[in-house]
């Protein structure tokens, strides 16, 4: 769908039978893929900045501005809510900024270079783990408290992914194992296309002999 079938199969690993080294190297929609990648990175950056930097600083600033005569039992609750709304706005903005910057950057590459870059992104297992956990955590957080909850969910997802990449992966089996082993992957898109072309010719020749 929309030229993203191979990307989707690799990202989700829901249908490993649909994946093989040739399919993994098919990049029919590189601009869409780089926009998705830019969205992921922007969302992750916005969540970390919003949750770990902007929120505490803005909360400290608003708390400092509170005057004793204006303070009520709900003042700190209002400040916390205001800061969480700020986090949500940052996250929302990242859905526009991320793909825009990625697409702008992609104009510096030829289509072949961009396709190979997208292919290399598909092969970055640790980064894929972070992106997958971002999606899972973000969806759970969204269900909990919409954009404000999504920020917390994404931060939890990123934290778990980093812990998994640096610690758990050494001692446990991965929950979502990529089907295509490193040794079976092509070096680049062109190599995969050449192999597929030779294979198609061989199969066509064999079919012709069987007629």
C-alpha atoms as a PDB file:
ATOM      1  CA  UNK A   1       0.000   0.000   0.000  1.00  0.00           C
ATOM      2  CA  UNK A   2       1.412   3.393  -1.067  1.00  0.00           C
ATOM      3  CA  UNK A   3       4.682   1.621  -1.886  1.00  0.00           C
ATOM      4  CA  UNK A   4       5.340   0.949   1.807  1.00  0.00           C
ATOM      5  CA  UNK A   5       4.591  -2.775   1.950  1.00  0.00           C
ATOM      6  CA  UNK A   6       8.231  -3.830   2.321  1.00  0.00           C
ATOM      7  CA  UNK A   7       8.863  -1.124   4.916  1.00  0.00           C
ATOM      8  CA  UNK A   8       5.780  -2.160   6.900  1.00  0.00           C
ATOM      9  CA  UNK A   9       6.647  -5.865   6.842  1.00  0.00           C
ATOM     10  CA  UNK A  10      10.167  -5.112   8.059  1.00  0.00           C
ATOM     11  CA  UNK A  11       9.067  -2.648  10.730  1.00  0.00           C
ATOM     12  CA  UNK A  12       6.307  -4.755  12.248  1.00  0.00           C
ATOM     13  CA  UNK A  13       7.623  -8.268  11.523  1.00  0.00           C
ATOM     14  CA  UNK A  14       3.968  -9.340  11.737  1.00  0.00           C
ATOM     15  CA  UNK A  15       4.217 -11.326   8.500  1.00  0.00           C
ATOM     16  CA  UNK A  16       7.797 -12.634   8.307  1.00  0.00           C
ATOM     17  CA  UNK A  17       6.781 -14.994   5.506  1.00  0.00           C
ATOM     18  CA  UNK A  18       6.345 -11.922   3.298  1.00  0.00           C
ATOM     19  CA  UNK A  19       9.972 -10.920   3.848  1.00  0.00           C
ATOM     20  CA  UNK A  20      13.070 -12.087   2.032  1.00  0.00           C
ATOM     21  CA  UNK A  21      16.371 -10.344   1.231  1.00  0.00           C
ATOM     22  CA  UNK A  22      15.018  -9.064  -2.086  1.00  0.00           C
ATOM     23  CA  UNK A  23      11.851  -7.630  -0.547  1.00  0.00           C
ATOM     24  CA  UNK A  24      13.877  -6.018   2.243  1.00  0.00           C
ATOM     25  CA  UNK A  25      15.893  -4.153  -0.390  1.00  0.00           C
ATOM     26  CA  UNK A  26      12.852  -2.938  -2.343  1.00  0.00           C
ATOM     27  CA  UNK A  27      12.429   0.796  -1.783  1.00  0.00           C
ATOM     28  CA  UNK A  28       9.752   1.993  -4.235  1.00  0.00           C
ATOM     29  CA  UNK A  29       8.790   5.046  -2.153  1.00  0.00           C
ATOM     30  CA  UNK A  30      11.984   6.483  -0.618  1.00  0.00           C
ATOM     31  CA  UNK A  31      10.513   9.945  -0.033  1.00  0.00           C
ATOM     32  CA  UNK A  32       7.654   8.512   1.991  1.00  0.00           C
ATOM     33  CA  UNK A  33      10.043   6.364   3.997  1.00  0.00           C
ATOM     34  CA  UNK A  34      12.380   9.242   4.792  1.00  0.00           C
ATOM     35  CA  UNK A  35       9.372  11.334   5.859  1.00  0.00           C
ATOM     36  CA  UNK A  36       8.305   8.550   8.221  1.00  0.00           C
ATOM     37  CA  UNK A  37      11.836   8.292   9.582  1.00  0.00           C
ATOM     38  CA  UNK A  38      11.967  12.047  10.120  1.00  0.00           C
ATOM     39  CA  UNK A  39       8.663  11.872  11.963  1.00  0.00           C
ATOM     40  CA  UNK A  40       9.975   9.164  14.283  1.00  0.00           C
ATOM     41  CA  UNK A  41      13.134  11.077  15.143  1.00  0.00           C
ATOM     42  CA  UNK A  42      11.270  14.351  15.620  1.00  0.00           C
ATOM     43  CA  UNK A  43       8.635  12.744  17.839  1.00  0.00           C
ATOM     44  CA  UNK A  44      11.294  11.048  19.957  1.00  0.00           C
ATOM     45  CA  UNK A  45      13.286  14.261  20.308  1.00  0.00           C
ATOM     46  CA  UNK A  46      10.172  16.301  21.158  1.00  0.00           C
ATOM     47  CA  UNK A  47       9.086  13.789  23.786  1.00  0.00           C
ATOM     48  CA  UNK A  48      12.479  13.739  25.469  1.00  0.00           C
ATOM     49  CA  UNK A  49      12.828  17.522  25.347  1.00  0.00           C
ATOM     50  CA  UNK A  50       9.267  18.070  26.486  1.00  0.00           C
ATOM     51  CA  UNK A  51       9.344  15.560  29.310  1.00  0.00           C
ATOM     52  CA  UNK A  52      12.881  15.969  30.620  1.00  0.00           C
ATOM     53  CA  UNK A  53      13.812  19.560  29.762  1.00  0.00           C
ATOM     54  CA  UNK A  54      10.918  21.870  28.860  1.00  0.00           C
ATOM     55  CA  UNK A  55       8.440  20.581  31.451  1.00  0.00           C
ATOM     56  CA  UNK A  56      10.668  20.917  34.548  1.00  0.00           C
ATOM     57  CA  UNK A  57      12.097  24.284  33.465  1.00  0.00           C
ATOM     58  CA  UNK A  58       8.709  25.741  32.591  1.00  0.00           C
ATOM     59  CA  UNK A  59       7.229  24.339  35.790  1.00  0.00           C
ATOM     60  CA  UNK A  60      10.006  25.908  37.850  1.00  0.00           C
ATOM     61  CA  UNK A  61       9.467  29.228  36.060  1.00  0.00           C
ATOM     62  CA  UNK A  62       5.710  29.250  36.677  1.00  0.00           C
ATOM     63  CA  UNK A  63       6.170  28.206  40.293  1.00  0.00           C
ATOM     64  CA  UNK A  64       8.625  31.042  40.858  1.00  0.00           C
ATOM     65  CA  UNK A  65       6.102  33.514  39.477  1.00  0.00           C
ATOM     66  CA  UNK A  66       3.451  32.459  41.982  1.00  0.00           C
ATOM     67  CA  UNK A  67       2.700  35.134  44.542  1.00  0.00           C
ATOM     68  CA  UNK A  68       1.751  33.977  48.033  1.00  0.00           C
ATOM     69  CA  UNK A  69      -1.427  36.053  47.994  1.00  0.00           C
ATOM     70  CA  UNK A  70      -2.503  34.486  44.670  1.00  0.00           C
ATOM     71  CA  UNK A  71      -1.641  30.897  45.546  1.00  0.00           C
ATOM     72  CA  UNK A  72      -4.531  28.481  45.981  1.00  0.00           C
ATOM     73  CA  UNK A  73      -4.655  24.752  46.791  1.00  0.00           C
ATOM     74  CA  UNK A  74      -5.038  24.123  43.049  1.00  0.00           C
ATOM     75  CA  UNK A  75      -2.196  26.361  41.880  1.00  0.00           C
ATOM     76  CA  UNK A  76       0.402  23.614  41.560  1.00  0.00           C
ATOM     77  CA  UNK A  77      -2.109  21.319  39.888  1.00  0.00           C
ATOM     78  CA  UNK A  78      -2.862  24.044  37.333  1.00  0.00           C
ATOM     79  CA  UNK A  79       0.851  24.575  36.721  1.00  0.00           C
ATOM     80  CA  UNK A  80       1.388  20.849  36.213  1.00  0.00           C
ATOM     81  CA  UNK A  81      -1.513  20.712  33.771  1.00  0.00           C
ATOM     82  CA  UNK A  82      -0.172  23.741  31.881  1.00  0.00           C
ATOM     83  CA  UNK A  83       3.247  22.139  31.550  1.00  0.00           C
ATOM     84  CA  UNK A  84       1.774  18.880  30.308  1.00  0.00           C
ATOM     85  CA  UNK A  85      -0.203  20.786  27.686  1.00  0.00           C
ATOM     86  CA  UNK A  86       3.065  22.360  26.581  1.00  0.00           C
ATOM     87  CA  UNK A  87       4.517  18.870  26.172  1.00  0.00           C
ATOM     88  CA  UNK A  88       1.538  17.901  24.054  1.00  0.00           C
ATOM     89  CA  UNK A  89       1.975  20.938  21.811  1.00  0.00           C
ATOM     90  CA  UNK A  90       5.645  20.106  21.280  1.00  0.00           C
ATOM     91  CA  UNK A  91       4.707  16.569  20.319  1.00  0.00           C
ATOM     92  CA  UNK A  92       2.042  17.807  17.928  1.00  0.00           C
ATOM     93  CA  UNK A  93       4.505  20.207  16.295  1.00  0.00           C
ATOM     94  CA  UNK A  94       6.999  17.385  15.797  1.00  0.00           C
ATOM     95  CA  UNK A  95       4.585  15.650  13.403  1.00  0.00           C
ATOM     96  CA  UNK A  96       4.982  18.625  11.072  1.00  0.00           C
ATOM     97  CA  UNK A  97       8.610  19.572  11.657  1.00  0.00           C
ATOM     98  CA  UNK A  98      10.042  16.048  11.395  1.00  0.00           C
ATOM     99  CA  UNK A  99       8.841  15.021   7.931  1.00  0.00           C
ATOM    100  CA  UNK A 100       9.342  18.547   6.582  1.00  0.00           C
ATOM    101  CA  UNK A 101      13.007  18.628   7.598  1.00  0.00           C
ATOM    102  CA  UNK A 102      13.563  15.062   6.379  1.00  0.00           C
ATOM    103  CA  UNK A 103      12.050  15.792   2.972  1.00  0.00           C
ATOM    104  CA  UNK A 104      14.047  18.999   2.688  1.00  0.00           C
ATOM    105  CA  UNK A 105      17.238  17.072   3.472  1.00  0.00           C
ATOM    106  CA  UNK A 106      16.320  14.374   0.947  1.00  0.00           C
ATOM    107  CA  UNK A 107      16.524  16.921  -1.876  1.00  0.00           C
ATOM    108  CA  UNK A 108      20.307  16.912  -1.439  1.00  0.00           C
ATOM    109  CA  UNK A 109      20.437  13.251  -2.539  1.00  0.00           C
ATOM    110  CA  UNK A 110      19.713  11.510  -5.802  1.00  0.00           C
ATOM    111  CA  UNK A 111      16.843   9.025  -5.793  1.00  0.00           C
ATOM    112  CA  UNK A 112      19.326   6.148  -5.868  1.00  0.00           C
ATOM    113  CA  UNK A 113      21.261   7.542  -2.909  1.00  0.00           C
ATOM    114  CA  UNK A 114      18.046   8.127  -1.000  1.00  0.00           C
ATOM    115  CA  UNK A 115      16.828   4.588  -1.704  1.00  0.00           C
ATOM    116  CA  UNK A 116      20.094   3.168  -0.386  1.00  0.00           C
ATOM    117  CA  UNK A 117      19.875   5.388   2.676  1.00  0.00           C
ATOM    118  CA  UNK A 118      16.347   4.147   3.371  1.00  0.00           C
ATOM    119  CA  UNK A 119      17.569   0.585   2.926  1.00  0.00           C
ATOM    120  CA  UNK A 120      20.335   1.175   5.456  1.00  0.00           C
ATOM    121  CA  UNK A 121      17.749   2.546   7.902  1.00  0.00           C
ATOM    122  CA  UNK A 122      15.759  -0.670   7.596  1.00  0.00           C
ATOM    123  CA  UNK A 123      18.829  -2.617   8.679  1.00  0.00           C
ATOM    124  CA  UNK A 124      19.565  -0.654  11.862  1.00  0.00           C
ATOM    125  CA  UNK A 125      18.189  -3.118  14.385  1.00  0.00           C
ATOM    126  CA  UNK A 126      18.797  -1.091  17.542  1.00  0.00           C
ATOM    127  CA  UNK A 127      17.228   2.003  16.035  1.00  0.00           C
ATOM    128  CA  UNK A 128      14.262  -0.054  14.851  1.00  0.00           C
ATOM    129  CA  UNK A 129      13.789  -1.281  18.412  1.00  0.00           C
ATOM    130  CA  UNK A 130      13.611   2.323  19.622  1.00  0.00           C
ATOM    131  CA  UNK A 131      11.111   3.250  16.907  1.00  0.00           C
ATOM    132  CA  UNK A 132       8.937   0.207  17.615  1.00  0.00           C
ATOM    133  CA  UNK A 133       8.897   0.945  21.338  1.00  0.00           C
ATOM    134  CA  UNK A 134       8.101   4.578  20.537  1.00  0.00           C
ATOM    135  CA  UNK A 135       5.013   3.497  18.611  1.00  0.00           C
ATOM    136  CA  UNK A 136       3.908   1.041  21.303  1.00  0.00           C
ATOM    137  CA  UNK A 137       4.487   3.457  24.182  1.00  0.00           C
ATOM    138  CA  UNK A 138       2.943   6.357  22.305  1.00  0.00           C
ATOM    139  CA  UNK A 139      -0.242   4.451  21.491  1.00  0.00           C
ATOM    140  CA  UNK A 140      -0.653   3.275  25.076  1.00  0.00           C
ATOM    141  CA  UNK A 141      -0.043   6.798  26.361  1.00  0.00           C
ATOM    142  CA  UNK A 142      -2.462   8.251  23.809  1.00  0.00           C
ATOM    143  CA  UNK A 143      -5.162   5.863  24.982  1.00  0.00           C
ATOM    144  CA  UNK A 144      -4.424   6.936  28.553  1.00  0.00           C
ATOM    145  CA  UNK A 145      -4.262  10.736  28.251  1.00  0.00           C
ATOM    146  CA  UNK A 146      -4.087  11.700  24.593  1.00  0.00           C
ATOM    147  CA  UNK A 147      -1.081  13.855  23.626  1.00  0.00           C
ATOM    148  CA  UNK A 148       0.024  14.479  27.201  1.00  0.00           C
ATOM    149  CA  UNK A 149      -0.019  10.766  27.931  1.00  0.00           C
ATOM    150  CA  UNK A 150       1.645   9.973  24.610  1.00  0.00           C
ATOM    151  CA  UNK A 151       4.700  11.983  25.689  1.00  0.00           C
ATOM    152  CA  UNK A 152       5.061   9.887  28.837  1.00  0.00           C
ATOM    153  CA  UNK A 153       4.431   6.675  26.914  1.00  0.00           C
ATOM    154  CA  UNK A 154       7.051   7.509  24.300  1.00  0.00           C
ATOM    155  CA  UNK A 155       9.622   8.376  26.963  1.00  0.00           C
ATOM    156  CA  UNK A 156       8.963   5.077  28.726  1.00  0.00           C
ATOM    157  CA  UNK A 157       9.229   3.262  25.395  1.00  0.00           C
ATOM    158  CA  UNK A 158      12.536   4.929  24.526  1.00  0.00           C
ATOM    159  CA  UNK A 159      13.924   4.189  27.986  1.00  0.00           C
ATOM    160  CA  UNK A 160      12.972   0.526  27.699  1.00  0.00           C
ATOM    161  CA  UNK A 161      14.396   0.281  24.168  1.00  0.00           C
ATOM    162  CA  UNK A 162      17.744   1.738  25.257  1.00  0.00           C
ATOM    163  CA  UNK A 163      17.854  -0.598  28.244  1.00  0.00           C
ATOM    164  CA  UNK A 164      17.022  -3.508  25.961  1.00  0.00           C
ATOM    165  CA  UNK A 165      19.693  -2.565  23.410  1.00  0.00           C
ATOM    166  CA  UNK A 166      22.444  -2.059  25.973  1.00  0.00           C
ATOM    167  CA  UNK A 167      21.606  -4.665  28.621  1.00  0.00           C
ATOM    168  CA  UNK A 168      18.751  -7.092  27.982  1.00  0.00           C
ATOM    169  CA  UNK A 169      19.727  -8.002  24.424  1.00  0.00           C
ATOM    170  CA  UNK A 170      22.985  -9.516  25.680  1.00  0.00           C
ATOM    171  CA  UNK A 171      21.266 -11.942  28.025  1.00  0.00           C
ATOM    172  CA  UNK A 172      17.779 -12.580  26.634  1.00  0.00           C
ATOM    173  CA  UNK A 173      16.103 -13.518  23.374  1.00  0.00           C
ATOM    174  CA  UNK A 174      14.508 -10.610  21.490  1.00  0.00           C
ATOM    175  CA  UNK A 175      10.724 -10.333  21.681  1.00  0.00           C
ATOM    176  CA  UNK A 176      10.591  -9.326  18.011  1.00  0.00           C
ATOM    177  CA  UNK A 177      13.356 -11.013  16.058  1.00  0.00           C
ATOM    178  CA  UNK A 178      14.057  -9.759  12.549  1.00  0.00           C
ATOM    179  CA  UNK A 179      13.673 -12.552  10.038  1.00  0.00           C
ATOM    180  CA  UNK A 180      16.471 -11.553   7.651  1.00  0.00           C
ATOM    181  CA  UNK A 181      19.858 -12.240   9.231  1.00  0.00           C
ATOM    182  CA  UNK A 182      22.686  -9.783   8.618  1.00  0.00           C
ATOM    183  CA  UNK A 183      24.580 -12.302   6.530  1.00  0.00           C
ATOM    184  CA  UNK A 184      21.628 -12.753   4.168  1.00  0.00           C
ATOM    185  CA  UNK A 185      21.147  -9.056   3.462  1.00  0.00           C
ATOM    186  CA  UNK A 186      22.388  -7.365   0.314  1.00  0.00           C
ATOM    187  CA  UNK A 187      25.007  -4.661   0.558  1.00  0.00           C
ATOM    188  CA  UNK A 188      22.838  -2.165  -1.315  1.00  0.00           C
ATOM    189  CA  UNK A 189      19.689  -1.792  -3.383  1.00  0.00           C
ATOM    190  CA  UNK A 190      21.501  -2.155  -6.719  1.00  0.00           C
ATOM    191  CA  UNK A 191      22.961  -5.513  -5.750  1.00  0.00           C
ATOM    192  CA  UNK A 192      19.510  -6.787  -4.808  1.00  0.00           C
ATOM    193  CA  UNK A 193      18.036  -5.553  -8.090  1.00  0.00           C
ATOM    194  CA  UNK A 194      20.737  -7.313 -10.102  1.00  0.00           C
ATOM    195  CA  UNK A 195      20.156 -10.566  -8.258  1.00  0.00           C
ATOM    196  CA  UNK A 196      16.390 -10.280  -8.687  1.00  0.00           C
ATOM    197  CA  UNK A 197      16.821  -9.570 -12.394  1.00  0.00           C
ATOM    198  CA  UNK A 198      19.010 -12.646 -12.862  1.00  0.00           C
ATOM    199  CA  UNK A 199      16.549 -14.745 -10.879  1.00  0.00           C
ATOM    200  CA  UNK A 200      13.599 -13.512 -12.948  1.00  0.00           C
ATOM    201  CA  UNK A 201      15.442 -14.345 -16.180  1.00  0.00           C
ATOM    202  CA  UNK A 202      16.308 -17.808 -14.884  1.00  0.00           C
ATOM    203  CA  UNK A 203      12.709 -18.518 -13.868  1.00  0.00           C
ATOM    204  CA  UNK A 204      11.375 -17.187 -17.173  1.00  0.00           C
ATOM    205  CA  UNK A 205      13.795 -19.407 -19.069  1.00  0.00           C
ATOM    206  CA  UNK A 206      12.833 -22.404 -16.975  1.00  0.00           C
ATOM    207  CA  UNK A 207       9.131 -21.760 -17.548  1.00  0.00           C
ATOM    208  CA  UNK A 208       9.783 -21.525 -21.284  1.00  0.00           C
ATOM    209  CA  UNK A 209      11.475 -24.909 -21.270  1.00  0.00           C
ATOM    210  CA  UNK A 210       8.558 -26.479 -19.413  1.00  0.00           C
ATOM    211  CA  UNK A 211       5.977 -25.260 -21.930  1.00  0.00           C
END
